Amino acid sequence: MPDDIVRELRHLPSTPKVLPRLKLLLSDSNSSIYEIVALIRLDPGIAARVLQVSNSAYFSKGTRCHTVEEAVGRVGFNQIFELVSYAVASQVLARPLAVYALPNDELWRLSVACALAAEELAAYGGIERNVAYTVGLLHGVGMVAIDEWALRQQFPLQLEYRGYPADASESERTYFGFTQAEVGAALLRDWAFPPMISEPVRHQYAPGASAGFARTASLLAVAKWIRSAVCDEGPPPPPPAALLQTLRLSTLVLEKTRLSVRRRLDVICTLLEISPESPTPREMPDWVKFPSEYPEAPTKF
């Protein structure tokens, strides 16, 4: 069961616990900068990353800061959530996954691209931006847990990762009887994330099955398409038309969002000193570039 894997991984980095607590502080108008700084300083790795990014050319304007207080003041309340989430992601997700044959930083790249896409699409689904961003960022954390479990068991497990839309879910079901989505949701619950985050992650492969969170799960599924259009080798198959209808999205919005996510991902990679280059050039499928020539493809809703 997914919970059994999570129970065996108490040593897995728990830095994502910072995110729900930080969101609560940022949502409270009575929160002070000192409370936010105190939370960030609980994790040395995150604090170091925040300082690194705040001292980048993008934020520093030539003047270095040396404390977390200065870094938060420089970046500002509006951007500190994303800045901390980048740091969290680089702590937990920027690692090779032997079980999935994913190289170093690839899951991080997929996760951040998905987060950026979900954030930009949030308005179409009537979903709060930080919620959408966090769901996208942590949608693949179950893969980290499964990889860590296999490493700890010294088990030479090899799952077939196929990218969008199924990822490695077919291999996971064959071997475990469940998917990384269910493991990820169990891990998020263990990290004290609310159902509005864990449930869409759990139902990312079947959004309609999520009671009460189907819209966010649908948003995640579409964001994963954009993730793959930006990061995977070759163009992904089109997302189901029903998902686009649910969110009232058009192919024009998908292409606009893809271009925006590509640009933003390049900036973030520069900030975190991670190569922005993907293994091979990505081309958009013809059904997006020329929707009128593909009558069965999703068009405008």
Protein backbone atom coordinates (compact mmCIF):
# COMPACT_ATOMS: atom_id res chain seq x y z
CA MET A 1 0.00 0.00 0.00
CA PRO A 2 1.16 3.61 -0.59
CA ASP A 3 1.09 4.34 3.15
CA ASP A 4 3.43 1.39 3.78
CA ILE A 5 6.06 2.90 1.47
CA VAL A 6 5.72 6.28 3.18
CA ARG A 7 6.08 4.73 6.64
CA GLU A 8 9.41 3.21 5.58
CA LEU A 9 10.77 6.56 4.42
CA ARG A 10 10.90 8.66 7.57
CA HIS A 11 14.39 9.79 6.56
CA LEU A 12 13.18 11.30 3.28
CA PRO A 13 13.78 15.08 3.31
CA SER A 14 10.71 16.78 4.80
CA THR A 15 11.39 20.31 3.56
CA PRO A 16 8.02 20.55 1.73
CA LYS A 17 6.43 20.93 5.17
CA VAL A 18 7.54 24.55 4.95
CA LEU A 19 5.17 25.32 2.06
CA PRO A 20 1.74 24.94 3.72
CA ARG A 21 2.98 26.81 6.79
CA LEU A 22 4.42 29.59 4.66
CA LYS A 23 1.17 29.87 2.71
CA LEU A 24 -0.77 30.32 5.95
CA LEU A 25 1.57 33.10 7.04
CA LEU A 26 1.37 34.87 3.70
CA SER A 27 -2.44 34.59 3.71
CA ASP A 28 -2.65 36.29 7.11
CA SER A 29 -2.42 40.08 6.90
CA ASN A 30 -1.23 40.13 10.52
CA SER A 31 1.88 38.04 9.76
CA SER A 32 5.17 39.83 10.13
CA ILE A 33 8.34 39.49 8.12
CA TYR A 34 10.00 38.12 11.27
CA GLU A 35 7.61 35.13 11.34
CA ILE A 36 8.33 34.37 7.69
CA VAL A 37 12.07 34.66 8.21
CA ALA A 38 11.92 32.41 11.29
CA LEU A 39 10.12 29.73 9.26
CA ILE A 40 12.63 29.85 6.40
CA ARG A 41 15.54 29.67 8.82
CA LEU A 42 14.25 26.35 10.21
CA ASP A 43 15.75 24.63 7.19
CA PRO A 44 19.41 25.49 6.47
CA GLY A 45 19.18 24.18 2.91
CA ILE A 46 16.21 26.37 2.06
CA ALA A 47 17.74 29.40 3.78
CA ALA A 48 20.93 28.94 1.75
CA ARG A 49 18.99 28.65 -1.50
CA VAL A 50 16.92 31.75 -0.72
CA LEU A 51 20.12 33.71 -0.10
CA GLN A 52 21.69 32.35 -3.28
CA VAL A 53 18.75 33.37 -5.44
CA SER A 54 18.33 36.78 -3.78
CA ASN A 55 21.98 37.48 -4.58
CA SER A 56 21.59 36.53 -8.24
CA ALA A 57 21.91 39.23 -10.88
CA TYR A 58 18.13 39.08 -11.37
CA PHE A 59 17.38 40.30 -7.82
CA SER A 60 20.57 41.83 -6.45
CA LYS A 61 21.16 44.77 -8.82
CA GLY A 62 24.81 44.54 -7.83
CA THR A 63 24.28 44.67 -4.05
CA ARG A 64 24.71 41.49 -1.97
CA CYS A 65 22.65 40.58 1.08
CA HIS A 66 23.96 38.36 3.85
CA THR A 67 20.92 37.46 5.97
CA VAL A 68 17.57 35.80 5.34
CA GLU A 69 15.87 38.98 6.62
CA GLU A 70 17.57 41.01 3.90
CA ALA A 71 16.74 38.38 1.29
CA VAL A 72 13.01 38.34 2.13
CA GLY A 73 12.94 42.13 2.20
CA ARG A 74 14.62 42.28 -1.20
CA VAL A 75 12.37 39.72 -2.89
CA GLY A 76 9.13 40.87 -1.24
CA PHE A 77 6.06 39.07 0.08
CA ASN A 78 4.56 38.59 -3.39
CA GLN A 79 7.45 36.47 -4.68
CA ILE A 80 8.77 34.81 -1.54
CA PHE A 81 6.38 31.83 -1.82
CA GLU A 82 7.66 30.95 -5.28
CA LEU A 83 11.25 31.57 -4.23
CA VAL A 84 10.93 29.18 -1.27
CA SER A 85 9.14 26.63 -3.44
CA TYR A 86 12.06 26.69 -5.90
CA ALA A 87 14.37 26.02 -2.97
CA VAL A 88 12.14 23.19 -1.71
CA ALA A 89 12.01 21.63 -5.15
CA SER A 90 15.77 21.78 -5.58
CA GLN A 91 16.21 20.09 -2.18
CA VAL A 92 13.77 17.23 -2.83
CA LEU A 93 13.35 16.81 -6.58
CA ALA A 94 16.76 17.62 -8.08
CA ARG A 95 18.17 14.10 -7.99
CA PRO A 96 18.54 11.21 -10.43
CA LEU A 97 15.81 8.55 -10.23
CA ALA A 98 17.34 5.19 -11.11
CA VAL A 99 14.00 3.36 -10.97
CA TYR A 100 12.61 5.62 -13.70
CA ALA A 101 15.88 6.13 -15.61
CA LEU A 102 15.52 9.89 -15.16
CA PRO A 103 18.81 11.82 -15.01
CA ASN A 104 19.76 14.41 -12.42
CA ASP A 105 17.49 17.50 -12.43
CA GLU A 106 14.98 16.02 -14.90
CA LEU A 107 12.20 15.48 -12.35
CA TRP A 108 12.91 18.96 -10.99
CA ARG A 109 12.55 20.41 -14.49
CA LEU A 110 9.30 18.51 -15.12
CA SER A 111 7.90 19.55 -11.74
CA VAL A 112 8.72 23.25 -12.02
CA ALA A 113 7.40 23.41 -15.59
CA CYS A 114 4.17 21.76 -14.41
CA ALA A 115 3.93 24.20 -11.49
CA LEU A 116 4.37 27.23 -13.74
CA ALA A 117 1.77 25.91 -16.18
CA ALA A 118 -0.74 25.17 -13.41
CA GLU A 119 -0.21 28.63 -11.95
CA GLU A 120 -0.86 30.33 -15.30
CA LEU A 121 -3.95 28.18 -16.01
CA ALA A 122 -5.38 28.62 -12.50
CA ALA A 123 -7.59 31.57 -13.45
CA TYR A 124 -9.38 29.46 -16.08
CA GLY A 125 -10.29 26.87 -13.45
CA GLY A 126 -11.18 29.37 -10.74
CA ILE A 127 -8.39 27.95 -8.57
CA GLU A 128 -6.13 29.88 -6.20
CA ARG A 129 -2.73 30.39 -7.86
CA ASN A 130 -0.55 29.19 -4.99
CA VAL A 131 -2.66 26.04 -4.65
CA ALA A 132 -2.35 25.31 -8.37
CA TYR A 133 1.37 26.01 -8.26
CA THR A 134 1.97 23.69 -5.29
CA VAL A 135 -0.08 20.86 -6.83
CA GLY A 136 1.95 21.14 -10.02
CA LEU A 137 5.26 21.36 -8.19
CA LEU A 138 4.68 18.24 -6.09
CA HIS A 139 2.72 16.09 -8.54
CA GLY A 140 5.69 13.73 -9.06
CA VAL A 141 6.95 13.49 -5.49
CA GLY A 142 5.66 9.91 -5.31
CA MET A 143 8.37 8.97 -7.80
CA VAL A 144 10.99 10.20 -5.36
CA ALA A 145 9.45 8.06 -2.62
CA ILE A 146 9.32 4.93 -4.80
CA ASP A 147 12.91 5.45 -5.97
CA GLU A 148 14.08 5.95 -2.38
CA TRP A 149 12.16 2.85 -1.26
CA ALA A 150 13.78 0.71 -3.98
CA LEU A 151 17.22 2.09 -3.07
CA ARG A 152 16.67 1.35 0.60
CA GLN A 153 15.45 -2.18 -0.17
CA GLN A 154 18.44 -2.65 -2.50
CA PHE A 155 15.94 -3.82 -5.07
CA PRO A 156 16.95 -3.49 -8.75
CA LEU A 157 13.56 -2.19 -9.84
CA GLN A 158 13.20 -0.67 -13.33
CA LEU A 159 9.92 0.98 -14.32
CA GLU A 160 9.10 2.24 -17.80
CA TYR A 161 8.63 6.00 -17.82
CA ARG A 162 6.71 7.04 -20.94
CA GLY A 163 6.00 10.70 -20.24
CA TYR A 164 2.59 12.27 -20.89
CA PRO A 165 -0.10 11.18 -20.18
CA ALA A 166 0.61 7.99 -18.23
CA ASP A 167 4.19 8.64 -17.03
CA ALA A 168 5.16 5.27 -15.53
CA SER A 169 1.72 4.46 -14.12
CA GLU A 170 1.25 1.28 -16.18
CA SER A 171 4.52 -0.21 -14.91
CA GLU A 172 3.74 0.96 -11.36
CA ARG A 173 0.34 -0.71 -11.40
CA THR A 174 1.82 -3.90 -12.78
CA TYR A 175 4.47 -4.08 -10.07
CA PHE A 176 2.81 -2.45 -7.03
CA GLY A 177 -0.90 -2.41 -7.79
CA PHE A 178 -0.93 1.38 -7.36
CA THR A 179 0.83 4.42 -8.84
CA GLN A 180 3.25 7.10 -7.76
CA ALA A 181 0.25 9.47 -7.60
CA GLU A 182 -1.19 7.50 -4.70
CA VAL A 183 2.21 7.31 -2.99
CA GLY A 184 2.68 11.04 -3.52
CA ALA A 185 -0.71 11.82 -2.00
CA ALA A 186 0.11 9.64 1.03
CA LEU A 187 3.44 11.45 1.42
CA LEU A 188 1.76 14.87 1.17
CA ARG A 189 -0.74 13.87 3.85
CA ASP A 190 2.17 12.77 6.03
CA TRP A 191 3.74 16.20 5.42
CA ALA A 192 0.50 17.85 6.62
CA PHE A 193 -0.65 19.19 3.26
CA PRO A 194 -4.43 19.74 3.07
CA PRO A 195 -6.72 17.65 0.80
CA MET A 196 -6.89 20.51 -1.73
CA ILE A 197 -3.24 19.67 -2.50
CA SER A 198 -3.01 15.92 -1.89
CA GLU A 199 -6.25 14.85 -3.60
CA PRO A 200 -5.56 16.37 -7.05
CA VAL A 201 -2.10 14.75 -6.93
CA ARG A 202 -3.71 11.42 -6.07
CA HIS A 203 -6.16 11.64 -9.00
CA GLN A 204 -3.85 13.13 -11.63
CA TYR A 205 -4.34 10.13 -13.94
CA ALA A 206 -8.14 10.09 -13.51
CA PRO A 207 -9.27 13.66 -12.65
CA GLY A 208 -12.96 12.86 -12.75
CA ALA A 209 -12.58 10.38 -9.89
CA SER A 210 -11.61 13.10 -7.41
CA ALA A 211 -14.64 13.88 -5.26
CA GLY A 212 -14.60 17.60 -4.57
CA PHE A 213 -11.29 18.34 -6.32
CA ALA A 214 -11.95 17.22 -9.90
CA ARG A 215 -11.41 20.72 -11.28
CA THR A 216 -7.95 21.06 -9.72
CA ALA A 217 -7.07 17.51 -10.81
CA SER A 218 -8.18 18.40 -14.36
CA LEU A 219 -6.05 21.53 -14.23
CA LEU A 220 -3.08 19.41 -13.15
CA ALA A 221 -3.64 16.99 -16.03
CA VAL A 222 -3.58 19.84 -18.57
CA ALA A 223 -0.56 21.42 -16.86
CA LYS A 224 1.21 18.08 -17.25
CA TRP A 225 0.60 18.29 -20.99
CA ILE A 226 2.33 21.70 -21.08
CA ARG A 227 5.09 20.27 -18.88
CA SER A 228 5.70 17.57 -21.45
CA ALA A 229 5.46 19.98 -24.39
CA VAL A 230 8.29 21.94 -22.77
CA CYS A 231 10.43 19.14 -21.33
CA ASP A 232 9.79 15.76 -22.92
CA GLU A 233 11.41 14.36 -26.04
CA GLY A 234 9.10 15.04 -28.96
CA PRO A 235 5.56 16.47 -28.99
CA PRO A 236 3.06 14.86 -26.58
CA PRO A 237 -0.33 13.53 -27.70
CA PRO A 238 -3.22 16.00 -27.29
CA PRO A 239 -4.91 16.24 -23.90
CA PRO A 240 -8.45 14.79 -23.80
CA ALA A 241 -11.00 17.24 -25.18
CA ALA A 242 -13.14 16.74 -22.05
CA LEU A 243 -10.38 18.25 -19.89
CA LEU A 244 -10.16 21.33 -22.08
CA GLN A 245 -13.94 21.67 -22.07
CA THR A 246 -14.02 21.43 -18.27
CA LEU A 247 -11.58 24.33 -17.97
CA ARG A 248 -12.79 26.19 -21.11
CA LEU A 249 -9.35 26.18 -22.61
CA SER A 250 -8.36 26.60 -26.25
CA THR A 251 -5.33 25.45 -28.22
CA LEU A 252 -4.34 29.11 -28.46
CA VAL A 253 -4.20 29.32 -24.64
CA LEU A 254 -2.16 26.11 -24.50
CA GLU A 255 0.40 27.44 -26.97
CA LYS A 256 0.58 30.83 -25.24
CA THR A 257 1.09 29.13 -21.89
CA ARG A 258 3.73 26.79 -23.31
CA LEU A 259 5.79 29.71 -24.59
CA SER A 260 5.45 31.55 -21.29
CA VAL A 261 6.45 28.48 -19.25
CA ARG A 262 9.47 27.91 -21.49
CA ARG A 263 10.67 31.49 -20.90
CA ARG A 264 10.03 31.41 -17.16
CA LEU A 265 11.73 28.02 -16.78
CA ASP A 266 14.83 29.41 -18.49
CA VAL A 267 14.93 32.31 -16.01
CA ILE A 268 14.53 29.99 -13.01
CA CYS A 269 17.23 27.63 -14.27
CA THR A 270 19.54 30.64 -14.54
CA LEU A 271 18.68 31.75 -11.00
CA LEU A 272 19.38 28.31 -9.58
CA GLU A 273 22.41 27.71 -11.79
CA ILE A 274 20.81 24.70 -13.49
CA SER A 275 21.22 24.18 -17.23
CA PRO A 276 17.99 25.21 -18.98
CA GLU A 277 18.69 23.02 -21.97
CA SER A 278 16.57 19.95 -22.61
CA PRO A 279 18.13 16.82 -24.14
CA THR A 280 16.55 17.41 -27.58
CA PRO A 281 14.64 20.26 -29.27
CA ARG A 282 10.87 20.22 -28.72
CA GLU A 283 8.41 20.68 -31.57
CA MET A 284 4.74 21.41 -31.09
CA PRO A 285 2.34 18.84 -32.61
CA ASP A 286 0.48 19.87 -35.74
CA TRP A 287 -2.90 19.70 -33.97
CA VAL A 288 -1.81 22.72 -31.90
CA LYS A 289 -0.13 24.65 -34.69
CA PHE A 290 -2.86 23.95 -37.29
CA PRO A 291 -6.06 23.05 -35.36
CA SER A 292 -8.37 23.73 -38.32
CA GLU A 293 -6.76 20.86 -40.25
CA TYR A 294 -7.50 18.37 -37.46
CA PRO A 295 -11.29 18.25 -36.94
CA GLU A 296 -11.06 15.68 -34.15
CA ALA A 297 -8.46 17.60 -32.19
CA PRO A 298 -9.45 19.85 -29.30
CA THR A 299 -9.98 23.37 -30.59
CA LYS A 300 -11.62 26.31 -28.86
CA PHE A 301 -14.14 26.01 -26.05
